[in-house]
Amino acid sequence: MAIDNIVTAATNFSPLLTTVGFGGIVGFLIGFVIKKLFKILAIVAGIFFAVLMYLEQQGMMNINWDKLNVAYHDVLYTVTNTITNSTVSRGIGGSHTAASSFLPVRITTMTDLGIPLTGSMATGFTIGIIKG
């Protein structure tokens, strides 16, 4: 009788454990790949600027560093404003009436799968970024 209760409890946790495991593995892989891609991008950008500086030093090119600096700051300003304005326009911290229409009929489904999946994926992503 006690063994039947243990088997029943194990089968009840099976979808939850599968969701947590899948989310953790996918999150880890995404974090690992993103960090590797950023490392490769940083190396390529560093080599590119080193070649530009070498060619300028040899007199083969003339680079207007002031104009490059202005362009860099303009791009950075645009990206910063885009990020800031998109979070404000989405209404973060605002009214919950629009979000309440998207809630599923059965809240337990969201808590059974959505929260463990999101949490394990975020944890896996963090570990993937650290280990990558």
Protein backbone atom coordinates (compact mmCIF):
# COMPACT_ATOMS: atom_id res chain seq x y z
CA MET A 1 0.00 0.00 0.00
CA ALA A 2 2.84 2.43 0.78
CA ILE A 3 4.58 1.43 -2.47
CA ASP A 4 1.43 2.26 -4.45
CA ASN A 5 1.40 5.74 -2.92
CA ILE A 6 5.06 6.27 -3.86
CA VAL A 7 4.46 5.13 -7.45
CA THR A 8 1.40 7.38 -7.73
CA ALA A 9 3.37 10.36 -6.37
CA ALA A 10 6.21 9.68 -8.82
CA THR A 11 3.87 9.60 -11.81
CA ASN A 12 2.28 12.87 -10.67
CA PHE A 13 5.69 14.61 -10.64
CA SER A 14 6.82 13.18 -13.99
CA PRO A 15 5.54 16.05 -16.20
CA LEU A 16 6.97 18.61 -13.79
CA LEU A 17 10.39 16.95 -13.72
CA THR A 18 10.41 16.62 -17.50
CA THR A 19 9.54 20.30 -17.89
CA VAL A 20 12.20 21.40 -15.42
CA GLY A 21 14.84 19.19 -17.03
CA PHE A 22 14.01 20.28 -20.56
CA GLY A 23 13.96 23.96 -19.59
CA GLY A 24 17.28 23.69 -17.78
CA ILE A 25 19.02 21.95 -20.67
CA VAL A 26 17.65 24.34 -23.31
CA GLY A 27 18.50 27.37 -21.17
CA PHE A 28 22.04 26.10 -20.62
CA LEU A 29 22.58 25.50 -24.33
CA ILE A 30 21.24 28.92 -25.30
CA GLY A 31 23.42 30.67 -22.70
CA PHE A 32 26.49 28.66 -23.70
CA VAL A 33 26.05 29.38 -27.42
CA ILE A 34 25.36 33.09 -26.88
CA LYS A 35 28.51 33.52 -24.81
CA LYS A 36 30.60 31.67 -27.40
CA LEU A 37 29.17 33.82 -30.21
CA PHE A 38 29.92 37.03 -28.30
CA LYS A 39 33.49 35.86 -27.68
CA ILE A 40 33.99 35.17 -31.38
CA LEU A 41 32.43 38.53 -32.27
CA ALA A 42 34.72 40.35 -29.82
CA ILE A 43 37.80 38.63 -31.26
CA VAL A 44 36.80 39.48 -34.84
CA ALA A 45 36.08 43.12 -33.93
CA GLY A 46 39.41 43.39 -32.08
CA ILE A 47 41.35 41.97 -35.01
CA PHE A 48 39.50 44.31 -37.40
CA PHE A 49 40.40 47.42 -35.39
CA ALA A 50 43.98 46.22 -34.91
CA VAL A 51 44.34 45.85 -38.69
CA LEU A 52 42.85 49.32 -39.22
CA MET A 53 45.29 50.85 -36.73
CA TYR A 54 48.23 48.99 -38.33
CA LEU A 55 47.27 50.14 -41.82
CA GLU A 56 46.93 53.72 -40.60
CA GLN A 57 50.29 53.54 -38.84
CA GLN A 58 51.93 52.27 -42.05
CA GLY A 59 50.42 55.18 -44.00
CA MET A 60 48.25 52.98 -46.23
CA MET A 61 44.98 54.41 -44.87
CA ASN A 62 43.79 57.59 -43.26
CA ILE A 63 41.06 57.11 -40.65
CA ASN A 64 39.15 60.03 -39.17
CA TRP A 65 38.85 58.77 -35.58
CA ASP A 66 36.79 61.80 -34.49
CA LYS A 67 34.12 61.07 -37.10
CA LEU A 68 34.13 57.38 -36.08
CA ASN A 69 33.69 58.42 -32.44
CA VAL A 70 30.69 60.63 -33.31
CA ALA A 71 29.08 57.79 -35.30
CA TYR A 72 29.66 55.39 -32.39
CA HIS A 73 27.99 57.75 -29.93
CA ASP A 74 25.04 58.31 -32.29
CA VAL A 75 24.46 54.56 -32.60
CA LEU A 76 24.78 54.08 -28.85
CA TYR A 77 22.32 56.93 -28.21
CA THR A 78 19.80 55.45 -30.67
CA VAL A 79 20.02 51.96 -29.15
CA THR A 80 19.65 53.34 -25.62
CA ASN A 81 16.59 55.39 -26.55
CA THR A 82 15.02 52.48 -28.39
CA ILE A 83 15.40 50.19 -25.39
CA THR A 84 14.18 52.82 -22.95
CA ASN A 85 11.15 53.81 -25.04
CA SER A 86 10.10 50.24 -25.80
CA THR A 87 9.96 49.28 -22.12
CA VAL A 88 7.97 52.40 -21.24
CA SER A 89 5.51 52.02 -24.13
CA ARG A 90 4.76 48.39 -23.28
CA GLY A 91 3.39 49.56 -19.97
CA ILE A 92 5.69 47.71 -17.60
CA GLY A 93 4.32 48.26 -14.15
CA GLY A 94 1.09 49.71 -15.56
CA SER A 95 -2.44 48.42 -15.73
CA HIS A 96 -3.09 44.68 -15.64
CA THR A 97 -6.36 44.77 -17.56
CA ALA A 98 -4.79 43.95 -20.94
CA ALA A 99 -2.66 41.17 -19.48
CA SER A 100 -5.61 39.62 -17.66
CA SER A 101 -7.33 38.83 -20.95
CA PHE A 102 -4.43 36.53 -21.89
CA LEU A 103 -4.58 34.45 -18.74
CA PRO A 104 -5.57 30.86 -19.37
CA VAL A 105 -8.87 29.55 -18.09
CA ARG A 106 -7.09 27.07 -15.87
CA ILE A 107 -4.43 28.84 -13.79
CA THR A 108 -3.03 25.54 -12.52
CA THR A 109 -1.78 24.70 -16.02
CA MET A 110 0.34 27.83 -16.02
CA THR A 111 1.76 27.07 -12.60
CA ASP A 112 2.26 23.41 -13.46
CA LEU A 113 4.30 24.04 -16.60
CA GLY A 114 4.97 27.76 -17.19
CA ILE A 115 6.67 28.78 -13.97
CA PRO A 116 8.92 25.70 -13.61
CA LEU A 117 9.87 25.90 -17.30
CA THR A 118 10.71 29.59 -17.11
CA GLY A 119 12.59 29.25 -13.84
CA SER A 120 14.65 26.27 -14.93
CA MET A 121 15.38 27.88 -18.30
CA ALA A 122 16.58 31.07 -16.58
CA THR A 123 18.74 29.06 -14.21
CA GLY A 124 20.17 27.01 -17.08
CA PHE A 125 20.79 30.18 -19.10
CA THR A 126 22.70 31.73 -16.19
CA ILE A 127 24.84 28.62 -15.74
CA GLY A 128 25.44 28.46 -19.52
CA ILE A 129 26.63 32.08 -19.58
CA ILE A 130 28.94 31.42 -16.63
CA LYS A 131 30.40 28.20 -18.04
CA GLY A 132 30.55 29.30 -21.71
